[in-house]
Amino acid sequence: MKILVLCRPYLGDTVLTASVFRNLRAWMPQADITAAGYAGFTDALSLIPRIDEIVSLRKQRAAGESHAAFLRYWAGVLRRFRAARFDLVIDLMQTDKSALICAASAAPRRAGFVNRRRRARHRVYTDLALWTEAELQTTHHVDLYLKTLEILAIPIRSRFTEIVLQPEEIEAARERLRHALPDRTGPVVAVHPGASTPNRCWPPEHFAAACDWLQRHLGARVLLLGGAKEAQALAIIRSAMRTKAAALEGPLSTREFAAVLAAADLLFGNGSGPMHLAAAVGTPVVAIFDGAVASQWLPLGENHRVVLPEKPCPCVSPDLCMPPNPYHTFCIRTVSRERVFAALAQQLTERAEMPLARRAR
């Protein structure tokens, strides 16, 4: 059997699809499984076991590329998928382009999950998991994905994600940490202050206070992580800190980033893609959520702590907040430093008391 899975173009979403591939392979061990996703996120797909081929798609035109050339590119993509003669296409991307791929593939079975109101897409699929808007806003994304397997009568043996790194990748990451943190001992706390949207980010000044508290009161070693998108927040954190935090020099590939998270003792950050990646490699997480979408994106697995805004929320941004729109609620700014400090202390204390055999990953 030949199976194509169309994956969403975000780090966290991609990591969560690992549960889909795990259950697919358990159901059909000899299947030829292809994963397709947009360029920039296919590196994350390479971390997921049980995928035979990864296809990278272009979401936008290249610099200087004409509309006609871009349309020719997509016409070639559709021809490629049709020529592959897939037996089953599973659409987790849920966009107009992914629906077009499903239709063009001519696969005998085409499955997806879709809002009940999006009737125009219903006829594209042979098997549909229909959700109301309220359900889509409250159901964990892993369960949205796995429901698509359930309607195909594929058994769900596990809802957890799994990322596989090679031992040499973990050792290289540990060497990076030894180089970045040469003169101290104590648990390594990786700190990533970013998220997909600004309303999901705890203020960087609060992160700075938490980093100081980790190092002064818990003897932790803070390692700041982030890319270009987090550069401003990281600069504010460094400027506001009273202690010194380490950072890794140079850009990291997705695999290198995953290995660094695996080598750390804890990830501290917002509800984000790196949070899901850390959970998938077995690193405990302390994550701060905005509350509006927490049920959709909680970290999977054990030994994680999530800090949510208290309700009712004392609105700190009445000029910005537009509830119930989840992209325009800034409740995360009301999460107190003291509650986060307590979560960090509990997490590191529990880890220190954990038997060494259980800490090994």
Protein backbone atom coordinates (compact mmCIF):
# COMPACT_ATOMS: atom_id res chain seq x y z
CA MET A 1 0.00 0.00 0.00
CA LYS A 2 1.21 3.51 -0.86
CA ILE A 3 0.24 6.25 1.59
CA LEU A 4 0.72 10.02 1.31
CA VAL A 5 0.41 12.24 4.39
CA LEU A 6 0.15 16.02 3.86
CA CYS A 7 1.60 17.81 6.90
CA ARG A 8 1.02 21.29 8.34
CA PRO A 9 3.81 23.88 7.97
CA TYR A 10 4.73 24.57 11.59
CA LEU A 11 7.30 22.98 13.87
CA GLY A 12 4.90 21.96 16.63
CA ASP A 13 2.30 20.67 14.18
CA THR A 14 4.96 18.65 12.39
CA VAL A 15 6.24 17.09 15.61
CA LEU A 16 2.70 16.10 16.59
CA THR A 17 2.22 14.23 13.30
CA ALA A 18 4.72 11.67 14.62
CA SER A 19 1.79 10.00 16.35
CA VAL A 20 0.09 9.55 12.97
CA PHE A 21 3.11 7.86 11.40
CA ARG A 22 3.59 5.65 14.44
CA ASN A 23 0.03 4.33 14.21
CA LEU A 24 0.14 4.02 10.42
CA ARG A 25 3.26 1.88 10.55
CA ALA A 26 1.84 -0.32 13.31
CA TRP A 27 -1.30 -0.83 11.20
CA MET A 28 0.50 -1.50 7.91
CA PRO A 29 4.17 -2.42 8.55
CA GLN A 30 5.01 -2.91 4.86
CA ALA A 31 3.35 0.27 3.60
CA ASP A 32 5.30 2.77 1.50
CA ILE A 33 4.71 6.01 3.44
CA THR A 34 5.44 9.45 1.95
CA ALA A 35 5.22 12.70 3.92
CA ALA A 36 4.82 16.03 2.14
CA GLY A 37 5.25 19.44 3.73
CA TYR A 38 6.35 22.95 2.93
CA ALA A 39 10.03 23.82 2.63
CA GLY A 40 11.41 25.01 5.95
CA PHE A 41 9.62 22.32 7.92
CA THR A 42 10.69 19.15 6.13
CA ASP A 43 13.81 19.04 8.32
CA ALA A 44 11.47 18.39 11.23
CA LEU A 45 9.85 15.56 9.28
CA SER A 46 13.29 13.95 8.98
CA LEU A 47 13.26 13.49 12.76
CA ILE A 48 10.18 11.28 12.62
CA PRO A 49 10.78 7.56 12.18
CA ARG A 50 8.72 5.30 9.92
CA ILE A 51 8.65 7.70 6.93
CA ASP A 52 10.02 6.29 3.68
CA GLU A 53 10.14 9.49 1.61
CA ILE A 54 9.82 13.22 2.32
CA VAL A 55 8.62 15.63 -0.36
CA SER A 56 9.34 19.35 0.08
CA LEU A 57 6.78 21.76 -1.38
CA ARG A 58 7.13 25.45 -2.16
CA LYS A 59 4.47 27.62 -0.59
CA GLN A 60 5.41 30.87 -2.32
CA ARG A 61 7.07 32.09 -5.48
CA ALA A 62 10.83 32.38 -5.51
CA ALA A 63 12.36 35.83 -5.86
CA GLY A 64 11.87 36.99 -9.45
CA GLU A 65 9.69 34.00 -10.35
CA SER A 66 6.65 34.81 -12.47
CA HIS A 67 3.11 33.74 -11.61
CA ALA A 68 3.12 31.55 -14.71
CA ALA A 69 6.30 29.77 -13.64
CA PHE A 70 4.91 29.19 -10.15
CA LEU A 71 1.72 27.76 -11.62
CA ARG A 72 3.81 25.45 -13.80
CA TYR A 73 5.67 24.32 -10.69
CA TRP A 74 2.41 23.42 -8.95
CA ALA A 75 1.09 21.71 -12.06
CA GLY A 76 4.19 19.54 -11.96
CA VAL A 77 3.59 18.78 -8.27
CA LEU A 78 0.05 17.64 -9.01
CA ARG A 79 1.24 15.46 -11.90
CA ARG A 80 3.89 13.91 -9.67
CA PHE A 81 1.38 12.96 -6.99
CA ARG A 82 -1.05 11.59 -9.54
CA ALA A 83 1.67 9.51 -11.21
CA ALA A 84 2.66 8.05 -7.82
CA ARG A 85 -0.68 6.19 -7.67
CA PHE A 86 -1.21 6.46 -3.94
CA ASP A 87 -3.78 4.14 -2.41
CA LEU A 88 -4.49 6.49 0.48
CA VAL A 89 -3.98 10.23 1.01
CA ILE A 90 -4.34 11.70 4.51
CA ASP A 91 -4.69 15.48 4.56
CA LEU A 92 -3.52 17.00 7.85
CA MET A 93 -2.60 20.29 6.18
CA GLN A 94 -6.22 21.33 5.54
CA THR A 95 -5.64 24.12 3.02
CA ASP A 96 -6.98 24.78 -0.45
CA LYS A 97 -3.69 23.53 -1.93
CA SER A 98 -3.79 20.31 0.07
CA ALA A 99 -7.39 19.71 -0.98
CA LEU A 100 -6.26 20.20 -4.58
CA ILE A 101 -3.48 17.64 -4.08
CA CYS A 102 -6.00 15.18 -2.68
CA ALA A 103 -8.31 15.62 -5.64
CA ALA A 104 -5.49 15.47 -8.20
CA SER A 105 -4.00 12.33 -6.67
CA ALA A 106 -7.04 10.28 -7.69
CA ALA A 107 -6.31 8.03 -4.71
CA PRO A 108 -9.15 5.57 -4.00
CA ARG A 109 -9.31 6.85 -0.41
CA ARG A 110 -8.73 10.44 0.64
CA ALA A 111 -9.16 11.34 4.30
CA GLY A 112 -9.14 14.61 6.18
CA PHE A 113 -10.64 16.54 9.07
CA VAL A 114 -12.64 19.62 8.29
CA ASN A 115 -14.97 22.21 9.78
CA ARG A 116 -18.57 21.18 9.19
CA ARG A 117 -19.18 24.59 7.61
CA ARG A 118 -16.51 24.15 4.93
CA ARG A 119 -18.88 22.22 2.68
CA ALA A 120 -16.97 23.09 -0.49
CA ARG A 121 -14.16 20.79 0.61
CA HIS A 122 -16.35 17.90 1.70
CA ARG A 123 -16.62 16.35 -1.75
CA VAL A 124 -12.81 16.19 -2.13
CA TYR A 125 -12.57 13.44 0.49
CA THR A 126 -13.91 9.91 0.61
CA ASP A 127 -13.52 9.78 4.41
CA LEU A 128 -14.11 12.84 6.58
CA ALA A 129 -13.83 13.64 10.27
CA LEU A 130 -16.27 16.51 10.69
CA TRP A 131 -15.77 18.95 13.54
CA THR A 132 -17.71 21.96 14.78
CA GLU A 133 -15.89 25.25 15.25
CA ALA A 134 -16.14 24.84 19.03
CA GLU A 135 -14.62 21.35 18.83
CA LEU A 136 -11.76 22.57 16.66
CA GLN A 137 -10.98 25.25 19.27
CA THR A 138 -10.91 22.84 22.23
CA THR A 139 -9.58 19.50 20.90
CA HIS A 140 -5.88 18.70 21.10
CA HIS A 141 -4.32 18.67 17.65
CA VAL A 142 -3.03 15.13 18.11
CA ASP A 143 -6.62 14.00 18.60
CA LEU A 144 -7.71 15.89 15.48
CA TYR A 145 -5.04 14.03 13.53
CA LEU A 146 -5.80 10.64 15.04
CA LYS A 147 -9.54 11.00 14.47
CA THR A 148 -8.69 11.05 10.77
CA LEU A 149 -7.13 7.61 11.22
CA GLU A 150 -10.09 6.39 13.23
CA ILE A 151 -12.55 7.13 10.43
CA LEU A 152 -10.35 4.92 8.24
CA ALA A 153 -10.72 2.13 10.83
CA ILE A 154 -6.99 2.32 11.61
CA PRO A 155 -6.37 1.27 15.24
CA ILE A 156 -4.95 3.93 17.55
CA ARG A 157 -2.29 2.26 19.67
CA SER A 158 -0.64 5.42 20.96
CA ARG A 159 -1.22 9.18 20.92
CA PHE A 160 2.32 10.09 21.92
CA THR A 161 4.99 11.50 19.67
CA GLU A 162 8.41 10.03 19.09
CA ILE A 163 11.51 11.70 17.72
CA VAL A 164 14.63 9.66 16.96
CA LEU A 165 18.14 11.10 17.19
CA GLN A 166 21.40 9.25 16.69
CA PRO A 167 23.73 8.80 19.70
CA GLU A 168 26.43 10.83 17.96
CA GLU A 169 23.98 13.73 17.55
CA ILE A 170 23.24 13.73 21.28
CA GLU A 171 26.95 13.59 22.11
CA ALA A 172 27.67 16.50 19.75
CA ALA A 173 24.96 18.50 21.53
CA ARG A 174 26.46 17.68 24.92
CA GLU A 175 29.81 18.90 23.65
CA ARG A 176 28.12 22.16 22.58
CA LEU A 177 26.76 22.54 26.10
CA ARG A 178 30.14 21.81 27.67
CA HIS A 179 31.67 24.50 25.47
CA ALA A 180 28.91 27.03 26.22
CA LEU A 181 28.82 26.28 29.97
CA PRO A 182 32.43 25.38 30.82
CA ASP A 183 32.94 26.58 34.37
CA ARG A 184 29.85 25.57 36.33
CA THR A 185 27.81 22.58 37.39
CA GLY A 186 24.07 22.26 37.88
CA PRO A 187 21.05 21.39 35.76
CA VAL A 188 20.97 22.90 32.29
CA VAL A 189 17.76 24.85 31.66
CA ALA A 190 17.22 25.72 28.00
CA VAL A 191 15.15 28.90 27.70
CA HIS A 192 13.25 29.70 24.51
CA PRO A 193 11.15 32.89 24.78
CA GLY A 194 9.36 32.68 21.42
CA ALA A 195 6.03 31.42 20.11
CA SER A 196 4.09 31.50 16.86
CA THR A 197 2.26 34.76 17.68
CA PRO A 198 3.01 37.70 20.04
CA ASN A 199 -0.05 37.04 22.20
CA ARG A 200 1.42 33.66 23.18
CA CYS A 201 4.64 35.16 24.53
CA TRP A 202 5.30 35.86 28.20
CA PRO A 203 7.07 39.26 28.47
CA PRO A 204 10.87 39.03 28.03
CA GLU A 205 11.44 41.07 31.20
CA HIS A 206 9.68 38.29 33.13
CA PHE A 207 11.88 35.70 31.43
CA ALA A 208 14.94 37.68 32.54
CA ALA A 209 13.76 37.63 36.16
CA ALA A 210 13.07 33.89 35.92
CA CYS A 211 16.53 33.23 34.47
CA ASP A 212 18.17 35.16 37.31
CA TRP A 213 16.05 33.26 39.83
CA LEU A 214 16.98 29.91 38.29
CA GLN A 215 20.68 30.65 38.57
CA ARG A 216 20.68 32.37 41.96
CA HIS A 217 18.24 30.17 43.88
CA LEU A 218 18.27 26.79 42.12
CA GLY A 219 21.88 26.61 40.95
CA ALA A 220 20.75 26.06 37.37
CA ARG A 221 22.72 26.93 34.27
CA VAL A 222 20.62 28.94 31.83
CA LEU A 223 21.11 28.47 28.10
CA LEU A 224 19.26 30.98 25.91
CA LEU A 225 17.93 29.61 22.62
CA GLY A 226 16.20 31.22 19.68
CA GLY A 227 16.53 32.31 16.09
CA ALA A 228 16.08 35.56 14.21
CA LYS A 229 12.43 35.75 15.25
CA GLU A 230 13.43 35.72 18.93
CA ALA A 231 16.40 38.10 18.56
CA GLN A 232 14.63 41.12 20.06
CA ALA A 233 13.26 39.17 23.03
CA LEU A 234 16.66 37.59 23.67
CA ALA A 235 18.35 41.01 23.58
CA ILE A 236 15.87 42.33 26.16
CA ILE A 237 16.43 39.28 28.36
CA ARG A 238 20.22 39.64 28.29
CA SER A 239 20.00 43.36 29.02
CA ALA A 240 17.60 42.91 31.94
CA MET A 241 19.38 39.96 33.57
CA ARG A 242 21.59 40.51 36.61
CA THR A 243 23.34 37.17 36.17
CA LYS A 244 25.10 35.91 33.06
CA ALA A 245 23.38 33.46 30.72
CA ALA A 246 25.04 31.38 28.04
CA ALA A 247 23.91 31.11 24.43
CA LEU A 248 24.88 28.93 21.51
CA GLU A 249 26.73 30.63 18.69
CA GLY A 250 25.64 30.27 15.10
CA PRO A 251 22.42 28.90 13.63
CA LEU A 252 21.29 25.37 14.42
CA SER A 253 19.60 22.94 12.07
CA THR A 254 16.35 21.39 13.28
CA ARG A 255 18.19 18.17 14.09
CA GLU A 256 20.90 20.03 16.02
CA PHE A 257 18.26 22.02 17.88
CA ALA A 258 16.42 18.82 18.81
CA ALA A 259 19.67 17.28 20.06
CA VAL A 260 20.41 20.33 22.23
CA LEU A 261 16.94 20.06 23.76
CA ALA A 262 17.53 16.36 24.38
CA ALA A 263 20.82 17.14 26.13
CA ALA A 264 19.26 19.78 28.41
CA ASP A 265 17.64 18.93 31.75
CA LEU A 266 14.62 21.19 31.22
CA LEU A 267 13.05 23.45 28.61
CA PHE A 268 11.46 26.64 29.92
CA GLY A 269 9.39 28.70 27.50
CA ASN A 270 6.00 29.44 26.05
CA GLY A 271 3.57 27.05 24.40
CA SER A 272 5.47 26.66 21.14
CA GLY A 273 7.00 24.33 18.57
CA PRO A 274 10.23 23.98 20.57
CA MET A 275 8.10 22.92 23.56
CA HIS A 276 6.61 20.04 21.52
CA LEU A 277 10.06 19.13 20.21
CA ALA A 278 11.48 19.00 23.73
CA ALA A 279 8.61 16.81 24.93
CA ALA A 280 9.09 14.49 21.96
CA VAL A 281 12.79 13.93 22.75
CA GLY A 282 11.97 13.25 26.40
CA THR A 283 13.01 16.52 28.03
CA PRO A 284 10.69 17.85 30.76
CA VAL A 285 8.99 21.15 30.03
CA VAL A 286 7.75 24.15 31.99
CA ALA A 287 5.53 26.06 29.57
CA ILE A 288 3.50 29.24 29.97
CA PHE A 289 0.28 29.36 27.95
CA ASP A 290 -2.10 32.14 27.06
CA GLY A 291 -5.09 30.03 28.09
CA ALA A 292 -7.17 30.55 24.95
CA VAL A 293 -5.67 27.60 23.04
CA ALA A 294 -4.01 25.58 25.80
CA SER A 295 -6.29 22.56 25.38
CA GLN A 296 -5.21 22.30 21.73
CA TRP A 297 -1.47 22.43 22.32
CA LEU A 298 -0.55 21.01 25.73
CA PRO A 299 2.77 19.11 25.75
CA LEU A 300 2.35 15.36 25.41
CA GLY A 301 3.85 12.88 27.82
CA GLU A 302 4.68 12.92 31.51
CA ASN A 303 6.71 15.18 33.79
CA HIS A 304 5.65 18.49 32.23
CA ARG A 305 4.26 21.56 33.95
CA VAL A 306 2.01 24.16 32.37
CA VAL A 307 1.28 27.58 33.86
CA LEU A 308 -2.01 29.14 32.76
CA PRO A 309 -3.53 32.57 33.41
CA GLU A 310 -5.88 32.66 36.37
CA LYS A 311 -9.54 33.16 35.55
CA PRO A 312 -11.32 35.50 35.51
CA CYS A 313 -8.45 37.30 33.85
CA PRO A 314 -7.70 40.85 35.05
CA CYS A 315 -7.32 42.40 31.62
CA VAL A 316 -3.94 44.07 31.20
CA SER A 317 -4.38 44.99 27.53
CA PRO A 318 -7.97 46.20 27.01
CA ASP A 319 -6.80 48.12 23.95
CA LEU A 320 -5.45 44.91 22.36
CA CYS A 321 -7.63 42.07 23.64
CA MET A 322 -10.57 41.04 21.49
CA PRO A 323 -11.97 37.86 23.06
CA PRO A 324 -12.99 35.25 22.10
CA ASN A 325 -10.53 35.59 19.18
CA PRO A 326 -7.61 33.37 20.34
CA TYR A 327 -5.11 35.45 18.35
CA HIS A 328 -6.10 38.66 20.11
CA THR A 329 -6.12 37.71 23.78
CA PHE A 330 -3.08 38.63 25.85
CA CYS A 331 -3.95 36.88 29.11
CA ILE A 332 -0.45 35.37 29.22
CA ARG A 333 0.82 38.76 30.40
CA THR A 334 -1.12 38.30 33.65
CA VAL A 335 0.81 35.16 34.63
CA SER A 336 2.84 36.16 37.69
CA ARG A 337 6.55 35.59 38.06
CA GLU A 338 5.95 33.88 41.41
CA ARG A 339 3.74 31.18 39.89
CA VAL A 340 6.36 30.49 37.22
CA PHE A 341 9.15 30.41 39.81
CA ALA A 342 7.15 27.83 41.79
CA ALA A 343 6.65 25.63 38.71
CA LEU A 344 10.36 25.77 37.87
CA ALA A 345 11.34 24.91 41.44
CA GLN A 346 8.94 21.96 41.56
CA GLN A 347 10.16 20.64 38.24
CA LEU A 348 13.86 20.82 39.06
CA THR A 349 13.34 19.49 42.59
CA GLU A 350 11.46 16.48 41.26
CA ARG A 351 14.16 15.85 38.69
CA ALA A 352 16.87 16.00 41.34
CA GLU A 353 14.97 13.41 43.40
CA MET A 354 14.35 11.14 40.42
CA PRO A 355 16.48 7.96 40.22
CA LEU A 356 19.28 8.27 37.69
CA ALA A 357 17.88 5.36 35.66
CA ARG A 358 14.63 7.25 35.11
CA ARG A 359 16.46 10.45 34.16
CA ALA A 360 18.41 8.72 31.39
CA ARG A 361 17.00 9.34 27.95
